[in-house]
């Protein structure tokens, strides 16, 4: 699981962990996000992942739709459930947008 989170961090996820050494492709990021969700992301990690997913979906919708394809609605539904603190969500989403802007 640490590799999953490192990959996501390298892809702009706003978590204070060391990122992977290279920027992953959007498809790899989507796979890692699915894996994190499937393995029960919770707490701060889930909140960061939710903000990051919404940032990607709202600011780069074509890339998000292509990368998540048929399960994009389920992924966003999970994100809606995971974003529990509005203030934290806004802060994390702003950071995620800044990070993703350099990647996507």
Protein backbone atom coordinates (compact mmCIF):
# COMPACT_ATOMS: atom_id res chain seq x y z
CA UNK A 1 0.00 0.00 0.00
CA UNK A 2 2.78 2.56 0.63
CA UNK A 3 3.65 2.42 -3.08
CA UNK A 4 0.06 3.31 -3.93
CA UNK A 5 0.19 6.42 -1.73
CA UNK A 6 3.65 7.38 -3.00
CA UNK A 7 2.37 7.16 -6.56
CA UNK A 8 -0.64 9.30 -5.71
CA UNK A 9 1.60 11.81 -3.92
CA UNK A 10 3.80 12.01 -7.02
CA UNK A 11 0.58 12.72 -8.90
CA UNK A 12 -0.28 15.71 -6.75
CA UNK A 13 -2.16 14.19 -3.82
CA UNK A 14 -1.87 16.70 -0.96
CA UNK A 15 -0.26 14.45 1.65
CA UNK A 16 2.96 15.06 3.54
CA UNK A 17 4.76 11.91 2.40
CA UNK A 18 7.65 11.39 0.04
CA UNK A 19 6.47 11.15 -3.57
CA UNK A 20 7.60 8.53 -6.03
CA UNK A 21 10.63 9.72 -8.03
CA UNK A 22 8.77 10.15 -11.33
CA UNK A 23 5.41 11.65 -12.24
CA UNK A 24 3.02 8.83 -13.13
CA UNK A 25 0.73 8.78 -16.15
CA UNK A 26 -2.95 9.60 -15.55
CA UNK A 27 -3.93 5.94 -16.05
CA UNK A 28 -1.46 4.91 -13.34
CA UNK A 29 -2.86 7.57 -11.02
CA UNK A 30 -6.39 6.30 -11.62
CA UNK A 31 -5.30 2.72 -10.87
CA UNK A 32 -3.64 3.83 -7.64
CA UNK A 33 -6.71 5.84 -6.62
CA UNK A 34 -8.95 2.82 -7.23
CA UNK A 35 -6.58 0.65 -5.20
CA UNK A 36 -6.57 3.13 -2.30
CA UNK A 37 -10.36 3.25 -2.30
CA UNK A 38 -10.69 -0.53 -2.54
CA UNK A 39 -8.32 -1.12 0.37
CA UNK A 40 -10.30 1.14 2.67
CA UNK A 41 -8.71 4.58 2.62
CA UNK A 42 -9.83 6.44 5.72
CA UNK A 43 -9.10 9.46 7.84
CA UNK A 44 -6.74 12.13 6.53
CA UNK A 45 -5.69 10.01 3.57
CA UNK A 46 -9.31 9.61 2.45
CA UNK A 47 -9.98 13.33 2.82
CA UNK A 48 -6.88 14.18 0.77
CA UNK A 49 -7.81 11.62 -1.88
CA UNK A 50 -11.38 12.95 -2.09
CA UNK A 51 -10.21 16.55 -2.54
CA UNK A 52 -7.69 15.44 -5.16
CA UNK A 53 -10.30 13.43 -7.08
CA UNK A 54 -12.74 16.35 -7.11
CA UNK A 55 -9.98 18.76 -8.19
CA UNK A 56 -9.09 16.47 -11.09
CA UNK A 57 -12.70 15.88 -12.09
CA UNK A 58 -13.70 19.56 -11.97
CA UNK A 59 -10.62 21.16 -13.54
CA UNK A 60 -9.58 18.46 -16.04
CA UNK A 61 -12.88 16.67 -16.75
CA UNK A 62 -11.80 15.09 -20.04
CA UNK A 63 -8.65 13.65 -18.49
CA UNK A 64 -10.62 12.41 -15.48
CA UNK A 65 -13.30 10.81 -17.66
CA UNK A 66 -10.71 9.10 -19.83
CA UNK A 67 -8.66 7.87 -16.89
CA UNK A 68 -11.55 6.58 -14.79
CA UNK A 69 -13.83 5.58 -17.68
CA UNK A 70 -16.83 3.53 -16.55
CA UNK A 71 -16.32 3.85 -12.82
CA UNK A 72 -15.86 7.61 -12.58
CA UNK A 73 -19.31 8.12 -11.03
CA UNK A 74 -18.64 5.53 -8.33
CA UNK A 75 -15.25 7.10 -7.61
CA UNK A 76 -16.83 10.54 -7.21
CA UNK A 77 -19.61 9.10 -5.03
CA UNK A 78 -16.91 7.63 -2.76
CA UNK A 79 -15.15 11.01 -2.71
CA UNK A 80 -18.38 12.76 -1.68
CA UNK A 81 -18.69 10.40 1.29
CA UNK A 82 -15.03 10.83 2.25
CA UNK A 83 -15.00 14.65 2.23
CA UNK A 84 -16.36 15.23 5.72
CA UNK A 85 -14.72 18.49 6.86
CA UNK A 86 -15.62 21.38 4.54
CA UNK A 87 -12.75 23.61 5.62
CA UNK A 88 -10.15 20.86 5.31
CA UNK A 89 -11.63 19.85 1.96
CA UNK A 90 -11.28 23.37 0.55
CA UNK A 91 -7.67 23.66 1.68
CA UNK A 92 -6.73 20.23 0.31
CA UNK A 93 -8.56 20.85 -2.96
CA UNK A 94 -6.68 24.13 -3.51
CA UNK A 95 -3.37 22.35 -2.94
CA UNK A 96 -4.43 19.49 -5.21
CA UNK A 97 -5.34 21.91 -8.02
CA UNK A 98 -1.94 23.59 -7.78
CA UNK A 99 -0.18 20.22 -7.82
CA UNK A 100 -2.25 18.77 -10.65
CA UNK A 101 -1.74 21.88 -12.78
CA UNK A 102 1.92 20.97 -13.14
CA UNK A 103 1.14 17.32 -13.94
CA UNK A 104 -1.95 17.23 -16.13
